[in-house]
N, C-alpha and C. Protein backbone atom coordinates (compact mmCIF):
# COMPACT_ATOMS: atom_id res chain seq x y z
N MET A 1 94.06 109.44 89.28
CA MET A 1 93.55 110.57 90.09
C MET A 1 92.44 111.19 89.42
N PRO A 2 91.33 111.35 90.16
CA PRO A 2 90.05 111.96 89.59
C PRO A 2 90.24 113.31 89.36
N GLY A 3 89.59 113.91 88.28
CA GLY A 3 89.60 115.31 87.95
C GLY A 3 88.42 115.65 87.23
N ILE A 4 87.95 116.91 87.37
CA ILE A 4 86.75 117.40 86.67
C ILE A 4 87.12 118.65 85.86
N ARG A 5 86.41 118.97 84.79
CA ARG A 5 86.50 120.23 84.09
C ARG A 5 85.50 121.16 84.42
N ILE A 6 85.83 122.36 84.77
CA ILE A 6 84.83 123.41 85.21
C ILE A 6 84.53 124.34 84.02
N GLU A 7 83.31 124.60 83.75
CA GLU A 7 82.91 125.49 82.67
C GLU A 7 82.74 126.87 83.40
N HIS A 8 82.64 127.96 82.55
CA HIS A 8 82.38 129.27 83.10
C HIS A 8 81.11 129.34 83.97
N ASP A 9 80.04 128.59 83.39
CA ASP A 9 78.85 128.80 84.11
C ASP A 9 78.46 127.79 85.15
N ASP A 10 79.49 126.85 85.48
CA ASP A 10 79.29 125.97 86.50
C ASP A 10 79.30 126.49 87.91
N ASP A 11 78.52 125.99 88.67
CA ASP A 11 78.37 126.29 90.16
C ASP A 11 79.44 125.71 90.86
N PHE A 12 80.06 126.28 91.88
CA PHE A 12 81.13 125.60 92.56
C PHE A 12 80.77 124.47 93.38
N ASP A 13 79.48 124.48 93.98
CA ASP A 13 78.97 123.40 94.70
C ASP A 13 78.69 122.20 93.91
N MET A 14 78.15 122.48 92.76
CA MET A 14 77.88 121.25 91.82
C MET A 14 79.33 120.71 91.29
N ALA A 15 80.31 121.47 91.11
CA ALA A 15 81.55 120.94 90.79
C ALA A 15 82.21 120.14 91.88
N LEU A 16 82.09 120.73 93.10
CA LEU A 16 82.65 120.00 94.13
C LEU A 16 81.90 118.61 94.37
N ARG A 17 80.62 118.64 94.21
CA ARG A 17 79.86 117.28 94.42
C ARG A 17 80.35 116.39 93.29
N ARG A 18 80.45 116.79 92.02
CA ARG A 18 80.97 115.85 90.97
C ARG A 18 82.36 115.27 91.35
N PHE A 19 83.27 116.19 91.90
CA PHE A 19 84.52 115.82 92.13
C PHE A 19 84.46 114.75 93.37
N ARG A 20 83.68 114.99 94.27
CA ARG A 20 83.60 114.02 95.48
C ARG A 20 83.01 112.72 95.07
N LYS A 21 82.08 112.73 94.04
CA LYS A 21 81.50 111.50 93.60
C LYS A 21 82.51 110.68 92.78
N GLN A 22 83.23 111.34 91.96
CA GLN A 22 84.31 110.77 91.17
C GLN A 22 85.38 110.21 92.08
N SER A 23 85.81 110.94 93.17
CA SER A 23 86.75 110.38 94.05
C SER A 23 86.32 109.19 94.84
N GLU A 24 85.13 109.11 95.14
CA GLU A 24 84.53 108.06 95.73
C GLU A 24 84.54 106.78 94.87
N ARG A 25 84.09 106.93 93.53
CA ARG A 25 84.10 105.86 92.64
C ARG A 25 85.52 105.24 92.42
N ALA A 26 86.51 106.25 92.42
CA ALA A 26 87.88 105.80 92.15
C ALA A 26 88.44 105.12 93.53
N GLY A 27 87.84 105.28 94.58
CA GLY A 27 88.36 104.66 95.79
C GLY A 27 89.44 105.39 96.59
N VAL A 28 89.59 106.69 96.17
CA VAL A 28 90.67 107.50 96.82
C VAL A 28 90.51 107.66 98.28
N ILE A 29 89.29 107.86 98.82
CA ILE A 29 89.14 108.08 100.22
C ILE A 29 89.32 106.90 101.02
N SER A 30 88.76 105.70 100.48
CA SER A 30 89.00 104.41 101.25
C SER A 30 90.44 103.94 101.27
N GLU A 31 91.18 104.27 100.24
CA GLU A 31 92.53 104.00 100.09
C GLU A 31 93.35 104.83 101.12
N CYS A 32 92.93 106.07 101.31
CA CYS A 32 93.66 106.90 102.32
C CYS A 32 93.38 106.36 103.60
N ARG A 33 92.20 106.02 103.98
CA ARG A 33 91.77 105.52 105.27
C ARG A 33 92.51 104.18 105.53
N ARG A 34 92.67 103.42 104.48
CA ARG A 34 93.35 102.08 104.76
C ARG A 34 94.72 102.27 105.10
N ARG A 35 95.42 103.29 104.53
CA ARG A 35 96.88 103.51 104.69
C ARG A 35 97.19 104.40 105.93
N GLU A 36 96.20 104.88 106.68
CA GLU A 36 96.48 105.66 107.83
C GLU A 36 97.22 105.08 108.87
N ALA A 37 97.08 103.83 108.99
CA ALA A 37 97.86 103.07 110.04
C ALA A 37 98.33 101.90 109.64
N TYR A 38 99.50 101.28 110.20
CA TYR A 38 100.05 100.10 109.70
C TYR A 38 99.15 98.96 110.10
N GLU A 39 99.02 97.99 109.11
CA GLU A 39 98.31 96.81 109.20
C GLU A 39 99.16 95.64 109.33
N LYS A 40 99.14 94.85 110.28
CA LYS A 40 99.91 93.72 110.37
C LYS A 40 99.65 92.69 109.37
N PRO A 41 100.58 91.95 108.83
CA PRO A 41 100.39 91.02 107.63
C PRO A 41 99.24 89.95 107.97
N SER A 42 99.37 89.53 109.21
CA SER A 42 98.41 88.47 109.54
C SER A 42 96.90 89.10 109.53
N ILE A 43 96.78 90.24 109.94
CA ILE A 43 95.44 90.91 109.98
C ILE A 43 95.05 91.12 108.41
N ALA A 44 96.02 91.57 107.65
CA ALA A 44 95.66 91.79 106.22
C ALA A 44 95.21 90.49 105.56
N ALA A 45 95.87 89.46 105.95
CA ALA A 45 95.59 88.13 105.40
C ALA A 45 94.24 87.66 105.75
N LYS A 46 93.85 87.95 107.11
CA LYS A 46 92.67 87.64 107.49
C LYS A 46 91.54 88.49 106.88
N ARG A 47 91.74 89.78 106.63
CA ARG A 47 90.65 90.61 106.05
C ARG A 47 90.49 90.19 104.53
N LYS A 48 91.69 89.85 103.81
CA LYS A 48 91.45 89.37 102.46
C LYS A 48 90.81 88.02 102.40
N ALA A 49 90.93 87.16 103.31
CA ALA A 49 90.29 85.88 103.28
C ALA A 49 88.88 86.10 103.58
N ALA A 50 88.54 86.94 104.51
CA ALA A 50 87.10 87.14 104.69
C ALA A 50 86.36 87.87 103.53
N ALA A 51 87.04 88.63 102.93
CA ALA A 51 86.46 89.30 101.61
C ALA A 51 86.26 88.28 100.56
N ALA A 52 87.16 87.30 100.40
CA ALA A 52 87.06 86.39 99.40
C ALA A 52 85.86 85.45 99.77
N GLN A 53 85.67 85.15 100.99
CA GLN A 53 84.51 84.36 101.46
C GLN A 53 83.37 84.98 101.15
N LYS A 54 83.20 86.42 101.45
CA LYS A 54 82.02 87.15 101.05
C LYS A 54 81.74 87.10 99.64
N ARG A 55 82.82 87.28 98.85
CA ARG A 55 82.52 87.27 97.34
C ARG A 55 81.97 85.97 96.95
N LEU A 56 82.50 84.86 97.50
CA LEU A 56 82.12 83.48 97.11
C LEU A 56 80.64 83.30 97.51
N ARG A 57 80.28 83.66 98.72
CA ARG A 57 78.86 83.48 99.15
C ARG A 57 77.87 84.29 98.34
N LYS A 58 78.37 85.48 97.86
CA LYS A 58 77.60 86.30 97.05
C LYS A 58 77.35 85.61 95.67
N ARG A 59 78.48 85.12 95.17
CA ARG A 59 78.46 84.48 93.80
C ARG A 59 77.47 83.20 93.87
N LEU A 60 77.49 82.43 94.94
CA LEU A 60 76.77 81.29 95.13
C LEU A 60 75.33 81.61 95.29
N ARG A 61 75.03 82.76 95.92
CA ARG A 61 73.65 83.11 96.09
C ARG A 61 73.09 83.51 94.80
N ARG A 62 73.78 84.16 93.88
CA ARG A 62 73.44 84.57 92.68
C ARG A 62 73.14 83.38 91.87
N VAL A 63 73.99 82.37 91.86
CA VAL A 63 73.80 81.14 90.97
C VAL A 63 72.63 80.36 91.45
N ARG A 64 72.35 80.30 92.79
CA ARG A 64 71.17 79.67 93.27
C ARG A 64 69.90 80.33 92.89
N MET A 65 69.92 81.65 92.95
CA MET A 65 68.69 82.44 92.43
C MET A 65 68.44 82.18 91.13
N ARG A 66 69.43 82.11 90.19
CA ARG A 66 69.33 81.94 88.69
C ARG A 66 68.78 80.51 88.56
N GLU A 67 69.33 79.55 89.26
CA GLU A 67 68.87 78.11 88.96
C GLU A 67 67.47 77.97 89.53
N SER A 68 66.98 78.67 90.50
CA SER A 68 65.65 78.47 91.05
C SER A 68 64.60 79.20 90.30
N ARG A 69 64.88 79.92 89.33
CA ARG A 69 63.92 80.65 88.46
C ARG A 69 63.07 79.63 87.70
N GLU A 70 61.79 79.88 87.61
CA GLU A 70 61.03 78.95 86.71
C GLU A 70 60.60 79.89 85.55
N TYR A 71 60.72 79.42 84.39
CA TYR A 71 60.30 80.17 83.22
C TYR A 71 59.08 79.59 82.57
């Protein structure tokens, strides 16, 4: 769970901005949105498979870019 420490001279708006940024990095908001409604197991499996394919394509693109460099 994200948390921040507020000093006496800290501005509330800046503290709120830091907390929101930390919450976003931790994935709290996306996790809440994901759990708002029930997701059927078949749809969850399709989503996970699509994410795995995307990661694989990204990894292959990086490898190709690295191999195509000329030094």
